[in-house]
């Protein structure tokens, strides 16, 4: 197995500031927008963006949540491995709001499809956008594209994109892993 660094901590930080600015450009003060990180990995990116928006860009009253999509996945009962659910942390109304889904890697699009179904349990948003740190362009199974992307990666199917966060793995880095 070999791995190469796609993004180091400095590059990730620059990308996060760019994404934060793009969000501000489209959502102003976020008074009608909520940010929802998709469990398990999208919540790290969502928390990091929320911290940047509130501290560096002085956005007040930002609503941040986390959505578990485990039981909405189309592969839920397909594998040998029993999937473990994560927590959903949404303590606000999404009805008539703009929702920004946040995930670390957009691959097949199936997680996003599951999230679109799962969010309906919390109301009917006016609009849903997708922000992803890594967009694996040629791997889509569904017609889903991000509104905001940190970096496009052309990875062949045997390659994996691994995102490590300081809060979880002790480093900010994105690897392309070859099995």
C-alpha atoms as a PDB file:
ATOM      1  CA  UNK A   1       0.000   0.000   0.000  1.00  0.00           C
ATOM      2  CA  UNK A   2       1.325   3.422  -0.927  1.00  0.00           C
ATOM      3  CA  UNK A   3      -0.022   6.864  -0.172  1.00  0.00           C
ATOM      4  CA  UNK A   4       0.720  10.345  -1.374  1.00  0.00           C
ATOM      5  CA  UNK A   5      -0.245  13.654   0.161  1.00  0.00           C
ATOM      6  CA  UNK A   6      -2.879  15.500  -1.874  1.00  0.00           C
ATOM      7  CA  UNK A   7      -3.365  18.372   0.589  1.00  0.00           C
ATOM      8  CA  UNK A   8      -1.262  19.367   3.581  1.00  0.00           C
ATOM      9  CA  UNK A   9      -2.477  21.385   6.581  1.00  0.00           C
ATOM     10  CA  UNK A  10      -1.654  24.746   4.954  1.00  0.00           C
ATOM     11  CA  UNK A  11      -3.510  23.876   1.741  1.00  0.00           C
ATOM     12  CA  UNK A  12      -6.523  22.620   3.720  1.00  0.00           C
ATOM     13  CA  UNK A  13      -6.633  25.861   5.727  1.00  0.00           C
ATOM     14  CA  UNK A  14      -6.507  27.992   2.556  1.00  0.00           C
ATOM     15  CA  UNK A  15      -9.289  25.900   0.993  1.00  0.00           C
ATOM     16  CA  UNK A  16     -11.443  26.196   4.135  1.00  0.00           C
ATOM     17  CA  UNK A  17     -11.117  30.003   4.080  1.00  0.00           C
ATOM     18  CA  UNK A  18     -12.094  30.038   0.391  1.00  0.00           C
ATOM     19  CA  UNK A  19     -15.113  27.815   1.066  1.00  0.00           C
ATOM     20  CA  UNK A  20     -16.129  29.991   4.045  1.00  0.00           C
ATOM     21  CA  UNK A  21     -15.976  33.105   1.854  1.00  0.00           C
ATOM     22  CA  UNK A  22     -18.042  31.419  -0.873  1.00  0.00           C
ATOM     23  CA  UNK A  23     -20.662  30.482   1.736  1.00  0.00           C
ATOM     24  CA  UNK A  24     -20.770  34.078   3.041  1.00  0.00           C
ATOM     25  CA  UNK A  25     -21.119  35.366  -0.522  1.00  0.00           C
ATOM     26  CA  UNK A  26     -24.216  33.198  -1.050  1.00  0.00           C
ATOM     27  CA  UNK A  27     -25.736  33.192   2.465  1.00  0.00           C
ATOM     28  CA  UNK A  28     -24.768  36.612   3.899  1.00  0.00           C
ATOM     29  CA  UNK A  29     -25.407  36.474   7.667  1.00  0.00           C
ATOM     30  CA  UNK A  30     -26.785  32.878   7.618  1.00  0.00           C
ATOM     31  CA  UNK A  31     -30.066  34.060   9.167  1.00  0.00           C
ATOM     32  CA  UNK A  32     -32.000  31.667   6.885  1.00  0.00           C
ATOM     33  CA  UNK A  33     -29.260  29.036   6.422  1.00  0.00           C
ATOM     34  CA  UNK A  34     -28.228  26.002   8.463  1.00  0.00           C
ATOM     35  CA  UNK A  35     -25.081  23.910   8.082  1.00  0.00           C
ATOM     36  CA  UNK A  36     -25.388  20.155   8.510  1.00  0.00           C
ATOM     37  CA  UNK A  37     -22.386  17.846   8.587  1.00  0.00           C
ATOM     38  CA  UNK A  38     -23.038  14.322   7.356  1.00  0.00           C
ATOM     39  CA  UNK A  39     -22.011  11.658   9.854  1.00  0.00           C
ATOM     40  CA  UNK A  40     -19.520  10.296  10.405  1.00  0.00           C
ATOM     41  CA  UNK A  41     -16.786  12.247   8.544  1.00  0.00           C
ATOM     42  CA  UNK A  42     -18.577  15.381   7.367  1.00  0.00           C
ATOM     43  CA  UNK A  43     -19.131  16.633  10.900  1.00  0.00           C
ATOM     44  CA  UNK A  44     -15.403  17.403  11.326  1.00  0.00           C
ATOM     45  CA  UNK A  45     -15.401  19.606   8.227  1.00  0.00           C
ATOM     46  CA  UNK A  46     -18.710  21.230   9.219  1.00  0.00           C
ATOM     47  CA  UNK A  47     -17.432  22.026  12.736  1.00  0.00           C
ATOM     48  CA  UNK A  48     -14.210  23.468  11.337  1.00  0.00           C
ATOM     49  CA  UNK A  49     -16.101  25.661   8.857  1.00  0.00           C
ATOM     50  CA  UNK A  50     -18.554  26.807  11.540  1.00  0.00           C
ATOM     51  CA  UNK A  51     -15.682  27.765  13.841  1.00  0.00           C
ATOM     52  CA  UNK A  52     -14.011  29.705  11.019  1.00  0.00           C
ATOM     53  CA  UNK A  53     -17.254  31.461  10.065  1.00  0.00           C
ATOM     54  CA  UNK A  54     -17.986  32.550  13.642  1.00  0.00           C
ATOM     55  CA  UNK A  55     -14.452  33.420  14.758  1.00  0.00           C
ATOM     56  CA  UNK A  56     -12.669  34.718  11.649  1.00  0.00           C
ATOM     57  CA  UNK A  57     -15.681  36.116   9.784  1.00  0.00           C
ATOM     58  CA  UNK A  58     -17.868  37.146  12.780  1.00  0.00           C
ATOM     59  CA  UNK A  59     -21.013  35.318  11.683  1.00  0.00           C
ATOM     60  CA  UNK A  60     -23.424  35.325  14.633  1.00  0.00           C
ATOM     61  CA  UNK A  61     -26.074  32.734  15.485  1.00  0.00           C
ATOM     62  CA  UNK A  62     -24.812  30.131  13.019  1.00  0.00           C
ATOM     63  CA  UNK A  63     -26.869  26.961  13.252  1.00  0.00           C
ATOM     64  CA  UNK A  64     -24.800  23.776  12.980  1.00  0.00           C
ATOM     65  CA  UNK A  65     -26.037  20.206  13.053  1.00  0.00           C
ATOM     66  CA  UNK A  66     -25.006  16.655  12.265  1.00  0.00           C
ATOM     67  CA  UNK A  67     -27.119  14.146  10.329  1.00  0.00           C
ATOM     68  CA  UNK A  68     -26.810  10.374  10.581  1.00  0.00           C
ATOM     69  CA  UNK A  69     -27.677   8.691   7.268  1.00  0.00           C
ATOM     70  CA  UNK A  70     -26.908   5.080   8.270  1.00  0.00           C
ATOM     71  CA  UNK A  71     -30.460   3.735   7.998  1.00  0.00           C
ATOM     72  CA  UNK A  72     -31.192   5.665   4.809  1.00  0.00           C
ATOM     73  CA  UNK A  73     -28.326   4.163   2.817  1.00  0.00           C
ATOM     74  CA  UNK A  74     -29.229   1.848  -0.065  1.00  0.00           C
ATOM     75  CA  UNK A  75     -26.443  -0.526   1.014  1.00  0.00           C
ATOM     76  CA  UNK A  76     -27.680  -0.653   4.629  1.00  0.00           C
ATOM     77  CA  UNK A  77     -28.435  -4.396   4.635  1.00  0.00           C
ATOM     78  CA  UNK A  78     -26.078  -5.518   1.876  1.00  0.00           C
ATOM     79  CA  UNK A  79     -22.761  -6.248   3.540  1.00  0.00           C
ATOM     80  CA  UNK A  80     -21.566  -8.718   6.110  1.00  0.00           C
ATOM     81  CA  UNK A  81     -20.513  -5.872   8.380  1.00  0.00           C
ATOM     82  CA  UNK A  82     -23.189  -4.526  10.686  1.00  0.00           C
ATOM     83  CA  UNK A  83     -23.342  -0.773  10.293  1.00  0.00           C
ATOM     84  CA  UNK A  84     -23.253   1.279  13.470  1.00  0.00           C
ATOM     85  CA  UNK A  85     -25.431   4.334  13.677  1.00  0.00           C
ATOM     86  CA  UNK A  86     -24.040   7.739  14.573  1.00  0.00           C
ATOM     87  CA  UNK A  87     -25.926  10.492  16.309  1.00  0.00           C
ATOM     88  CA  UNK A  88     -28.123  13.062  14.656  1.00  0.00           C
ATOM     89  CA  UNK A  89     -27.770  16.467  16.285  1.00  0.00           C
ATOM     90  CA  UNK A  90     -30.321  18.827  14.792  1.00  0.00           C
ATOM     91  CA  UNK A  91     -31.923  21.073  17.407  1.00  0.00           C
ATOM     92  CA  UNK A  92     -33.426  23.562  14.958  1.00  0.00           C
ATOM     93  CA  UNK A  93     -36.113  23.652  12.295  1.00  0.00           C
ATOM     94  CA  UNK A  94     -35.085  23.105   8.666  1.00  0.00           C
ATOM     95  CA  UNK A  95     -38.547  23.960   7.334  1.00  0.00           C
ATOM     96  CA  UNK A  96     -38.236  26.755   4.729  1.00  0.00           C
ATOM     97  CA  UNK A  97     -34.494  27.139   5.435  1.00  0.00           C
ATOM     98  CA  UNK A  98     -31.519  26.840   3.153  1.00  0.00           C
ATOM     99  CA  UNK A  99     -29.551  23.744   4.149  1.00  0.00           C
ATOM    100  CA  UNK A 100     -25.887  23.265   3.334  1.00  0.00           C
ATOM    101  CA  UNK A 101     -24.851  19.610   3.555  1.00  0.00           C
ATOM    102  CA  UNK A 102     -21.153  19.225   4.366  1.00  0.00           C
ATOM    103  CA  UNK A 103     -19.161  16.052   3.671  1.00  0.00           C
ATOM    104  CA  UNK A 104     -15.457  15.380   3.366  1.00  0.00           C
ATOM    105  CA  UNK A 105     -15.400  13.329   0.134  1.00  0.00           C
ATOM    106  CA  UNK A 106     -18.000  13.141  -2.634  1.00  0.00           C
ATOM    107  CA  UNK A 107     -17.546   9.760  -4.261  1.00  0.00           C
ATOM    108  CA  UNK A 108     -20.538   7.847  -5.702  1.00  0.00           C
ATOM    109  CA  UNK A 109     -23.204  10.298  -4.505  1.00  0.00           C
ATOM    110  CA  UNK A 110     -25.078   7.599  -2.568  1.00  0.00           C
ATOM    111  CA  UNK A 111     -24.430   9.207   0.837  1.00  0.00           C
ATOM    112  CA  UNK A 112     -25.887  12.475  -0.439  1.00  0.00           C
ATOM    113  CA  UNK A 113     -28.949  10.676  -1.798  1.00  0.00           C
ATOM    114  CA  UNK A 114     -29.421   9.112   1.661  1.00  0.00           C
ATOM    115  CA  UNK A 115     -29.023  12.542   3.302  1.00  0.00           C
ATOM    116  CA  UNK A 116     -31.679  14.029   1.005  1.00  0.00           C
ATOM    117  CA  UNK A 117     -34.107  11.378   2.254  1.00  0.00           C
ATOM    118  CA  UNK A 118     -33.044  11.635   5.911  1.00  0.00           C
ATOM    119  CA  UNK A 119     -33.410  15.425   6.142  1.00  0.00           C
ATOM    120  CA  UNK A 120     -37.113  15.167   5.262  1.00  0.00           C
ATOM    121  CA  UNK A 121     -37.739  13.856   8.793  1.00  0.00           C
ATOM    122  CA  UNK A 122     -36.840  17.354  10.041  1.00  0.00           C
ATOM    123  CA  UNK A 123     -38.998  19.382   7.675  1.00  0.00           C
ATOM    124  CA  UNK A 124     -38.954  20.619   4.104  1.00  0.00           C
ATOM    125  CA  UNK A 125     -36.033  22.922   3.330  1.00  0.00           C
ATOM    126  CA  UNK A 126     -36.426  25.625   0.680  1.00  0.00           C
ATOM    127  CA  UNK A 127     -33.100  24.692  -0.845  1.00  0.00           C
ATOM    128  CA  UNK A 128     -30.280  22.204  -0.259  1.00  0.00           C
ATOM    129  CA  UNK A 129     -26.680  22.781  -1.292  1.00  0.00           C
ATOM    130  CA  UNK A 130     -23.648  20.522  -1.030  1.00  0.00           C
ATOM    131  CA  UNK A 131     -20.169  21.477   0.144  1.00  0.00           C
ATOM    132  CA  UNK A 132     -17.396  18.906  -0.083  1.00  0.00           C
ATOM    133  CA  UNK A 133     -13.678  19.108   0.579  1.00  0.00           C
ATOM    134  CA  UNK A 134     -12.802  16.508  -2.081  1.00  0.00           C
ATOM    135  CA  UNK A 135     -14.797  15.829  -5.248  1.00  0.00           C
ATOM    136  CA  UNK A 136     -13.859  12.527  -6.898  1.00  0.00           C
ATOM    137  CA  UNK A 137     -15.051  13.455 -10.364  1.00  0.00           C
ATOM    138  CA  UNK A 138     -15.211  10.186 -12.300  1.00  0.00           C
ATOM    139  CA  UNK A 139     -16.734   7.909  -9.665  1.00  0.00           C
ATOM    140  CA  UNK A 140     -20.340   9.107  -9.549  1.00  0.00           C
ATOM    141  CA  UNK A 141     -23.180   6.568  -9.575  1.00  0.00           C
ATOM    142  CA  UNK A 142     -25.857   9.254  -9.233  1.00  0.00           C
ATOM    143  CA  UNK A 143     -26.252  12.689 -10.888  1.00  0.00           C
ATOM    144  CA  UNK A 144     -25.108  14.650  -7.821  1.00  0.00           C
ATOM    145  CA  UNK A 145     -22.604  17.517  -7.960  1.00  0.00           C
ATOM    146  CA  UNK A 146     -21.293  19.832  -5.241  1.00  0.00           C
ATOM    147  CA  UNK A 147     -22.165  23.533  -5.108  1.00  0.00           C
ATOM    148  CA  UNK A 148     -18.885  24.170  -3.273  1.00  0.00           C
ATOM    149  CA  UNK A 149     -15.784  22.038  -3.674  1.00  0.00           C
ATOM    150  CA  UNK A 150     -12.383  22.304  -2.101  1.00  0.00           C
ATOM    151  CA  UNK A 151     -10.486  20.253  -4.639  1.00  0.00           C
ATOM    152  CA  UNK A 152     -11.292  17.934  -7.543  1.00  0.00           C
ATOM    153  CA  UNK A 153      -9.428  14.649  -7.566  1.00  0.00           C
ATOM    154  CA  UNK A 154      -9.218  12.198 -10.423  1.00  0.00           C
ATOM    155  CA  UNK A 155      -8.750   8.890  -8.628  1.00  0.00           C
ATOM    156  CA  UNK A 156      -9.229   5.514 -10.226  1.00  0.00           C
ATOM    157  CA  UNK A 157     -11.546   3.098  -8.449  1.00  0.00           C
ATOM    158  CA  UNK A 158      -8.857   1.147  -6.600  1.00  0.00           C
ATOM    159  CA  UNK A 159      -7.503   4.361  -5.091  1.00  0.00           C
ATOM    160  CA  UNK A 160      -9.008   5.790  -1.918  1.00  0.00           C
ATOM    161  CA  UNK A 161      -9.040   9.365  -0.690  1.00  0.00           C
ATOM    162  CA  UNK A 162      -8.458   9.557   3.080  1.00  0.00           C
ATOM    163  CA  UNK A 163      -9.108  12.817   4.923  1.00  0.00           C
ATOM    164  CA  UNK A 164      -7.459  13.160   8.326  1.00  0.00           C
ATOM    165  CA  UNK A 165      -8.537  15.878  10.757  1.00  0.00           C
ATOM    166  CA  UNK A 166      -6.518  17.208  13.665  1.00  0.00           C
ATOM    167  CA  UNK A 167      -9.504  16.604  15.960  1.00  0.00           C
ATOM    168  CA  UNK A 168      -9.741  12.920  15.025  1.00  0.00           C
ATOM    169  CA  UNK A 169      -6.477  11.566  13.591  1.00  0.00           C
ATOM    170  CA  UNK A 170      -4.106  14.179  15.005  1.00  0.00           C
ATOM    171  CA  UNK A 171      -3.223  15.837  11.676  1.00  0.00           C
ATOM    172  CA  UNK A 172      -4.834  17.851   8.891  1.00  0.00           C
ATOM    173  CA  UNK A 173      -3.933  16.057   5.679  1.00  0.00           C
ATOM    174  CA  UNK A 174      -5.583  14.428   2.651  1.00  0.00           C
ATOM    175  CA  UNK A 175      -3.994  11.274   1.256  1.00  0.00           C
ATOM    176  CA  UNK A 176      -4.479   9.376  -1.984  1.00  0.00           C
ATOM    177  CA  UNK A 177      -4.039   5.741  -0.981  1.00  0.00           C
ATOM    178  CA  UNK A 178      -3.208   2.993  -3.460  1.00  0.00           C
ATOM    179  CA  UNK A 179      -4.042  -0.518  -2.272  1.00  0.00           C
END
